[in-house]
Protein backbone atom coordinates (compact mmCIF):
# COMPACT_ATOMS: atom_id res chain seq x y z
CA MET A 1 41.98 8.12 -20.82
CA ASN A 2 43.38 8.80 -24.31
CA LYS A 3 41.47 10.45 -27.17
CA LYS A 4 41.01 7.20 -29.08
CA VAL A 5 39.30 5.50 -26.10
CA LYS A 6 37.11 8.56 -25.52
CA LEU A 7 36.04 8.60 -29.17
CA THR A 8 35.19 4.90 -29.07
CA LEU A 9 33.09 5.34 -25.95
CA ARG A 10 31.28 8.30 -27.51
CA LYS A 11 30.50 6.35 -30.67
CA ASN A 12 29.21 3.37 -28.68
CA THR A 13 26.98 5.65 -26.62
CA PHE A 14 25.45 7.18 -29.75
CA ARG A 15 24.90 3.72 -31.22
CA MET A 16 22.97 2.73 -28.09
CA LEU A 17 20.74 5.81 -28.09
CA PRO A 18 17.99 4.42 -30.37
CA PHE A 19 17.91 1.27 -28.26
CA LEU A 20 17.67 3.23 -25.00
CA ILE A 21 14.98 5.51 -26.42
CA SER A 22 12.92 2.50 -27.56
CA ILE A 23 13.14 1.02 -24.04
CA PHE A 24 11.95 4.31 -22.56
CA LEU A 25 9.05 4.59 -25.01
CA LEU A 26 7.92 1.01 -24.43
CA ALA A 27 7.87 1.55 -20.68
CA SER A 28 6.06 4.88 -21.09
CA CYS A 29 3.37 3.35 -23.29
CA ALA A 30 2.76 0.58 -20.77
CA SER A 31 2.38 2.98 -17.85
CA LYS A 32 0.95 6.32 -16.82
CA LYS A 33 2.58 8.88 -14.54
CA ILE A 34 0.71 11.25 -12.26
CA SER A 35 3.03 13.92 -10.88
CA ASP A 36 3.23 16.10 -7.80
CA ILE A 37 0.32 14.84 -5.73
CA SER A 38 0.07 16.38 -2.27
CA TYR A 39 -0.06 13.76 0.47
CA LEU A 40 0.42 15.89 3.61
CA LYS A 41 -2.14 18.00 5.42
CA SER A 42 0.36 19.25 7.99
CA SER A 43 4.04 18.85 8.86
CA GLU A 44 6.54 19.67 11.57
CA ALA A 45 9.09 20.55 8.89
CA LEU A 46 10.60 24.03 8.72
CA VAL A 47 9.42 24.63 5.15
CA SER A 48 6.77 26.74 3.46
CA SER A 49 5.62 24.04 1.04
CA PHE A 50 5.02 20.36 1.71
CA PRO A 51 6.63 17.45 -0.19
CA GLU A 52 4.63 15.66 -2.88
CA LEU A 53 4.63 12.27 -4.57
CA ASN A 54 4.50 10.71 -8.04
CA VAL A 55 2.46 7.65 -9.00
CA PHE A 56 3.26 5.27 -11.86
CA HIS A 57 0.61 2.70 -12.74
CA PRO A 58 -0.17 0.21 -15.51
CA ARG A 59 -2.61 1.62 -18.05
CA LYS A 60 -4.78 -1.46 -18.37
CA SER A 61 -4.54 -3.91 -15.45
CA LYS A 62 -6.44 -3.27 -12.22
CA ASN A 63 -5.99 -4.24 -8.57
CA ASN A 64 -2.20 -4.43 -8.83
CA PRO A 65 0.27 -4.72 -5.93
CA VAL A 66 1.90 -1.47 -4.84
CA VAL A 67 5.50 -0.49 -4.09
CA ILE A 68 6.24 2.74 -2.21
CA PHE A 69 9.84 3.69 -2.96
CA ILE A 70 11.79 6.01 -0.63
CA HIS A 71 14.97 7.50 -2.08
CA GLY A 72 18.32 7.91 -0.36
CA GLY A 73 20.81 10.77 -0.14
CA TYR A 74 22.23 11.10 3.39
CA TRP A 75 18.80 12.33 4.61
CA ALA A 76 19.84 15.67 3.08
CA GLU A 77 19.76 15.11 -0.69
CA GLY A 78 17.70 13.44 -3.41
CA ASN A 79 14.41 13.92 -5.23
CA LYS A 80 11.51 11.73 -6.29
CA ASP A 81 11.82 12.86 -9.92
CA ILE A 82 15.19 11.13 -10.32
CA TYR A 83 13.57 7.71 -9.97
CA GLY A 84 11.02 7.70 -12.77
CA PHE A 85 12.85 4.75 -14.34
CA LEU A 86 11.95 2.61 -11.32
CA GLY A 87 8.30 3.63 -11.46
CA ARG A 88 8.01 2.96 -15.19
CA ASN A 89 9.77 -0.41 -14.98
CA PHE A 90 7.61 -1.60 -12.09
CA ALA A 91 4.43 -0.38 -13.78
CA LYS A 92 5.41 -2.29 -16.92
CA LYS A 93 5.54 -5.36 -14.68
CA GLU A 94 2.04 -4.57 -13.32
CA VAL A 95 3.19 -3.09 -10.02
CA VAL A 96 1.88 0.37 -9.11
CA THR A 97 4.72 2.54 -7.79
CA VAL A 98 4.46 5.52 -5.45
CA ILE A 99 7.57 7.71 -5.11
CA PRO A 100 7.32 10.47 -2.48
CA ASN A 101 9.59 13.32 -1.63
CA TYR A 102 10.15 13.96 2.07
CA THR A 103 11.54 16.90 3.99
CA LEU A 104 15.32 16.80 3.97
CA SER A 105 17.74 17.89 6.66
CA PRO A 106 18.35 20.58 7.92
CA ASN A 107 14.63 21.37 7.59
CA GLY A 108 13.67 18.19 9.41
CA SER A 109 15.09 15.41 11.56
CA TYR A 110 14.84 11.62 11.08
CA ASP A 111 11.61 11.82 13.11
CA THR A 112 10.06 14.37 10.75
CA MET A 113 11.04 12.26 7.75
CA ALA A 114 9.66 9.05 9.26
CA LYS A 115 6.35 10.74 10.04
CA GLU A 116 6.10 11.92 6.44
CA VAL A 117 6.86 8.45 5.10
CA ALA A 118 4.09 7.12 7.34
CA ALA A 119 1.77 9.80 5.92
CA ALA A 120 2.66 8.69 2.37
CA ILE A 121 1.78 5.11 3.31
CA LYS A 122 -1.58 6.22 4.71
CA TRP A 123 -2.27 8.31 1.61
CA THR A 124 -1.44 5.31 -0.57
CA HIS A 125 -3.75 3.03 1.37
CA ASP A 126 -6.60 5.54 1.14
CA ASN A 127 -6.16 6.56 -2.51
CA ILE A 128 -4.24 4.00 -4.54
CA LYS A 129 -7.35 2.21 -5.81
CA LYS A 130 -7.91 5.23 -8.09
CA TYR A 131 -4.59 4.41 -9.74
CA ASN A 132 -5.21 0.70 -10.36
CA GLY A 133 -3.51 -0.36 -7.11
CA ASN A 134 -4.66 -2.74 -4.40
CA PRO A 135 -4.62 -0.98 -0.98
CA ASP A 136 -4.24 -4.34 0.74
CA GLN A 137 -1.02 -5.17 -1.10
CA ILE A 138 1.39 -2.37 -0.15
CA PHE A 139 5.14 -3.02 -0.07
CA LEU A 140 7.93 -0.63 0.94
CA MET A 141 11.25 -0.31 -0.88
CA GLY A 142 14.13 2.01 -0.03
CA HIS A 143 17.75 2.63 -0.94
CA SER A 144 20.37 3.88 1.54
CA ALA A 145 18.71 6.53 3.78
CA GLY A 146 15.39 5.50 2.25
CA GLY A 147 16.03 1.94 3.40
CA HIS A 148 16.55 3.23 6.93
CA LEU A 149 13.29 5.19 6.86
CA ILE A 150 11.13 2.31 5.63
CA ALA A 151 12.71 -0.11 8.10
CA LEU A 152 12.03 2.37 10.91
CA VAL A 153 8.44 3.13 9.91
CA GLY A 154 7.71 -0.52 9.15
CA THR A 155 8.83 -1.74 12.60
CA ASN A 156 8.15 1.13 15.03
CA SER A 157 4.49 1.41 16.02
CA LYS A 158 4.89 5.07 16.97
CA TYR A 159 4.92 5.87 13.26
CA LEU A 160 2.45 3.33 11.93
CA GLU A 161 -0.08 1.93 14.39
CA ASN A 162 -1.36 -0.61 11.91
CA VAL A 163 1.80 -2.36 10.64
CA ASP A 164 -0.49 -4.85 8.86
CA LEU A 165 -0.84 -2.21 6.13
CA ILE A 166 2.66 -3.26 5.03
CA LYS A 167 2.92 -6.65 3.36
CA GLY A 168 6.70 -6.58 2.97
CA ILE A 169 9.84 -4.43 3.18
CA ILE A 170 12.57 -4.42 0.50
CA LEU A 171 15.89 -3.02 1.73
CA ASN A 172 18.39 -2.05 -0.95
CA ASP A 173 21.80 -1.26 0.60
CA ALA A 174 20.00 0.24 3.59
CA ALA A 175 21.95 2.58 5.85
CA ALA A 176 21.62 3.42 9.56
CA LEU A 177 19.92 0.25 10.71
CA ASP A 178 21.86 0.70 13.97
CA MET A 179 22.66 4.40 14.09
CA TYR A 180 22.98 4.25 17.87
CA SER A 181 26.11 2.11 17.77
CA TYR A 182 27.53 4.09 14.85
CA LEU A 183 27.04 7.54 16.40
CA LYS A 184 28.52 6.46 19.71
CA LYS A 185 31.77 5.95 17.78
CA TYR A 186 31.32 8.84 15.36
CA PRO A 187 29.14 11.56 16.95
CA PRO A 188 27.11 13.66 14.51
CA THR A 189 28.69 16.76 12.99
CA LYS A 190 27.48 19.42 10.58
CA ARG A 191 28.54 17.26 7.63
CA TYR A 192 25.33 16.32 5.76
CA HIS A 193 23.55 18.13 8.63
CA TYR A 194 23.87 15.01 10.78
CA ASP A 195 23.72 17.24 13.86
CA VAL A 196 20.14 18.11 12.84
CA THR A 197 19.10 14.74 11.40
CA TRP A 198 20.10 12.76 14.50
CA THR A 199 20.47 15.48 17.18
CA ASP A 200 23.08 15.18 19.95
CA ASN A 201 20.86 13.01 22.14
CA PRO A 202 21.84 9.29 22.29
CA GLU A 203 18.24 8.41 23.18
CA ASN A 204 17.21 9.74 19.77
CA TRP A 205 19.96 7.73 18.09
CA LYS A 206 18.52 4.56 19.57
CA ASP A 207 14.95 5.61 18.76
CA ALA A 208 16.07 6.18 15.15
CA SER A 209 17.63 2.72 14.81
CA PRO A 210 15.30 0.05 13.34
CA ILE A 211 17.32 -2.80 14.85
CA TYR A 212 15.91 -1.90 18.28
CA SER A 213 12.28 -1.95 17.15
CA LEU A 214 12.27 -5.41 15.58
CA THR A 215 9.56 -7.73 16.94
CA GLU A 216 7.54 -10.70 15.79
CA LYS A 217 5.10 -8.20 14.24
CA ALA A 218 7.64 -6.98 11.68
CA PRO A 219 6.57 -7.41 8.04
CA PRO A 220 8.52 -9.87 5.86
CA PHE A 221 11.91 -8.57 4.69
CA LEU A 222 13.86 -8.91 1.45
CA MET A 223 17.42 -7.59 1.75
CA PHE A 224 19.98 -6.62 -0.91
CA VAL A 225 23.47 -5.40 0.04
CA GLY A 226 26.40 -4.45 -2.17
CA ALA A 227 29.50 -6.53 -1.51
CA LYS A 228 31.56 -3.42 -2.39
CA THR A 229 29.45 -0.90 -0.49
CA TYR A 230 30.41 1.04 2.66
CA PRO A 231 31.68 -1.20 5.49
CA SER A 232 29.18 0.31 7.95
CA ILE A 233 26.28 -0.70 5.70
CA ILE A 234 27.57 -4.27 5.42
CA SER A 235 28.15 -4.65 9.16
CA GLN A 236 24.82 -3.08 10.17
CA ASN A 237 22.85 -5.20 7.71
CA LYS A 238 24.56 -8.31 9.07
CA ASP A 239 23.66 -7.33 12.64
CA PHE A 240 20.11 -6.48 11.57
CA VAL A 241 19.45 -9.79 9.83
CA LYS A 242 20.97 -11.68 12.76
CA LYS A 243 18.39 -10.14 15.09
CA LEU A 244 15.61 -10.41 12.48
CA ASN A 245 16.25 -14.14 12.15
CA ALA A 246 14.81 -14.66 15.63
CA TYR A 247 11.43 -13.78 14.07
CA GLN A 248 12.03 -14.54 10.38
CA PRO A 249 14.58 -17.37 10.29
CA ASN A 250 14.59 -17.73 6.50
CA VAL A 251 15.64 -14.17 5.71
CA LYS A 252 19.18 -13.78 4.43
CA ILE A 253 21.17 -11.00 2.80
CA ASN A 254 21.42 -11.12 -0.98
CA PHE A 255 24.94 -9.83 -1.61
CA LEU A 256 25.57 -8.31 -5.04
CA ALA A 257 29.03 -7.49 -6.42
CA LYS A 258 28.31 -3.75 -6.55
CA LYS A 259 29.13 -0.45 -4.87
CA HIS A 260 26.54 1.72 -3.14
CA ILE A 261 25.27 3.84 -6.06
CA PRO A 262 25.14 0.98 -8.62
CA MET A 263 22.93 -0.89 -6.14
CA MET A 264 20.27 1.64 -7.18
CA SER A 265 21.25 2.51 -10.75
CA GLN A 266 21.04 -1.16 -11.76
CA PHE A 267 17.25 -0.81 -11.71
CA PHE A 268 17.41 1.51 -14.72
CA TRP A 269 17.43 -1.65 -16.83
CA PRO A 270 14.00 -3.35 -16.91
CA TRP A 271 15.61 -6.77 -17.41
CA ASN A 272 17.67 -6.52 -14.20
CA LYS A 273 17.30 -9.89 -12.47
CA ASN A 274 16.52 -8.31 -9.12
CA TYR A 275 13.15 -7.14 -10.44
CA LYS A 276 12.29 -10.84 -10.76
CA GLU A 277 13.31 -11.49 -7.13
CA ILE A 278 11.24 -8.54 -5.94
CA ILE A 279 8.18 -9.64 -7.93
CA GLU A 280 8.53 -13.15 -6.49
CA PHE A 281 8.75 -11.67 -3.00
CA ILE A 282 5.61 -9.61 -3.68
CA ASP A 283 3.70 -12.58 -5.08
CA THR A 284 4.64 -14.69 -2.04
CA ASN A 285 3.53 -12.11 0.52
CA LYS A 286 0.71 -10.11 -1.05
């Protein structure tokens, strides 16, 4: 990139700053953030302190639907505080948003993480009324590894006995929907601590794969997949929806012309059209 192009880009960025700041301030005024709430009483994780969650809620409206968002990051990276933009944008649209941290590998396996996500759901059901949310209108949303965890918790009764707590599941470029088939071809290594996340036991790989826990009791699904994302994500989502269609015949994959990271970063913009699709999905199923 030459100096002239760099200078032009820098000038355009500075010109946009007032606009971006005004968007941020409008969203902040419309919502309130409560940070670092403890949602765990105990954990199997190998850590001295437990993960916490943030809540974003509209300042005025009451009894709003709730989205619990679980972040991605190879089950080994990521943090709830990165995703404040999502919480503020949803709250501006009168959707309470809960964004938890969860124990990352190598301090916990997929099973530890799923149990903590289930605990965050229970906490939300028991407490969200204090934050203008409706405990009977809880939806799950997750990107990448977070998509895997919500699909697993939302379909496997060992994590959540009362699946009726979940009114719908929103998968955004979800990974590992069939980790069993994937790891049979590519056994876990120390990269991203996959040897800890998944273990070396094929029975655990199958237990960790949401595609094998789908039943007629599964909550309604809304699925987004990047047309330019990782091939394994595309193929596993296709296999997942094919099996899901036996119980929910109208579900289809919404393919977007994006790579994996932009599938999440697109939600920085409050006017992103996929917010509208998500709100419609919530209104239909709440």
